[in-house]
Amino acid sequence: MHHPPVTLRQVHDDELSSVVDQWEWLQQGGGFAGGRWSQEWALAGLAALQRAELALAEYMDSMYAEVRACSCYVLGSVDVQMCMRPPSLALY
């Protein structure tokens, strides 16, 4: 069964919604004097992408914690201490 992809607009997360709003504002030119593709626009675009990176990482960490909690509950035989540990941030 084919499922359509989930977009950031469909995810109920305030920070991700703000990221989408910021990116759409940039796509419309962002109100910069030099317009789209100016140095100011490029810097704002970089900031928006970095914000998106952090927001997605935070969202995925929260999803991982939810899935791990459910799997620990369902499996029951998993080490409880492992289930209580926060996800590793070593990749960030």
Protein backbone atom coordinates (compact mmCIF):
# COMPACT_ATOMS: atom_id res chain seq x y z
CA MET A 1 0.00 0.00 0.00
CA HIS A 2 1.41 3.38 -1.02
CA HIS A 3 1.25 6.18 1.53
CA PRO A 4 1.82 9.81 0.50
CA PRO A 5 4.87 11.43 2.11
CA VAL A 6 4.37 13.42 5.29
CA THR A 7 5.22 17.09 4.99
CA LEU A 8 6.47 19.37 7.74
CA ARG A 9 3.09 21.13 7.64
CA GLN A 10 1.43 17.89 8.75
CA VAL A 11 3.69 17.48 11.79
CA HIS A 12 2.30 19.04 14.95
CA ASP A 13 5.41 20.78 16.22
CA ASP A 14 5.54 24.53 16.80
CA GLU A 15 9.23 24.91 15.96
CA LEU A 16 8.93 22.94 12.70
CA SER A 17 5.89 25.04 11.76
CA SER A 18 7.92 28.19 12.39
CA VAL A 19 10.73 26.82 10.23
CA VAL A 20 8.30 26.25 7.36
CA ASP A 21 6.89 29.78 7.78
CA GLN A 22 10.42 31.23 7.73
CA TRP A 23 11.34 29.27 4.60
CA GLU A 24 8.15 30.33 2.80
CA TRP A 25 8.88 33.96 3.70
CA LEU A 26 12.35 33.56 2.19
CA GLN A 27 10.90 31.95 -0.95
CA GLN A 28 8.84 35.11 -1.43
CA GLY A 29 11.96 37.28 -1.22
CA GLY A 30 12.04 37.95 2.51
CA GLY A 31 11.57 41.68 2.12
CA PHE A 32 15.29 42.33 1.63
CA ALA A 33 16.34 45.44 -0.28
CA GLY A 34 18.50 43.37 -2.63
CA GLY A 35 15.68 40.90 -3.16
CA ARG A 36 16.01 37.20 -3.55
CA TRP A 37 19.57 35.94 -4.01
CA SER A 38 21.12 38.98 -2.32
CA GLN A 39 23.79 38.51 0.35
CA GLU A 40 21.26 39.27 3.10
CA TRP A 41 18.82 36.78 1.64
CA ALA A 42 21.54 34.11 1.44
CA LEU A 43 22.50 34.65 5.09
CA ALA A 44 18.85 34.46 6.14
CA GLY A 45 18.53 31.26 4.09
CA LEU A 46 21.54 29.75 5.82
CA ALA A 47 20.07 30.65 9.21
CA ALA A 48 16.73 29.09 8.22
CA LEU A 49 18.41 25.86 7.13
CA GLN A 50 20.45 25.68 10.32
CA ARG A 51 17.27 26.26 12.33
CA ALA A 52 15.57 23.48 10.35
CA GLU A 53 18.48 21.14 11.07
CA LEU A 54 18.19 21.73 14.82
CA ALA A 55 14.39 21.53 14.84
CA LEU A 56 14.39 18.26 12.90
CA ALA A 57 17.05 16.77 15.19
CA GLU A 58 15.00 17.72 18.25
CA TYR A 59 11.83 16.31 16.72
CA MET A 60 13.53 13.05 15.77
CA ASP A 61 14.96 12.73 19.29
CA SER A 62 11.45 13.10 20.70
CA MET A 63 10.10 10.51 18.23
CA TYR A 64 12.93 8.12 19.14
CA ALA A 65 12.12 8.51 22.84
CA GLU A 66 8.45 7.72 22.16
CA VAL A 67 9.24 4.64 20.08
CA ARG A 68 11.80 3.40 22.60
CA ALA A 69 9.34 3.82 25.47
CA CYS A 70 6.69 1.87 23.56
CA SER A 71 9.10 -0.91 22.63
CA CYS A 72 10.28 -1.20 26.24
CA TYR A 73 6.67 -1.49 27.37
CA VAL A 74 5.73 -4.03 24.70
CA LEU A 75 8.84 -6.19 25.01
CA GLY A 76 8.86 -6.10 28.79
CA SER A 77 12.06 -8.12 28.94
CA VAL A 78 14.31 -5.27 27.89
CA ASP A 79 16.70 -3.83 30.48
CA VAL A 80 14.70 -1.14 32.31
CA GLN A 81 17.81 1.02 32.82
CA MET A 82 18.36 1.13 29.06
CA CYS A 83 14.78 2.25 28.55
CA MET A 84 15.16 5.10 31.03
CA ARG A 85 18.34 6.54 29.51
CA PRO A 86 17.93 9.60 27.27
CA PRO A 87 18.98 9.19 23.62
CA SER A 88 22.63 9.83 22.87
CA LEU A 89 23.47 13.25 21.47
CA ALA A 90 26.89 12.09 20.32
CA LEU A 91 26.04 12.79 16.67
CA TYR A 92 25.33 16.46 17.24
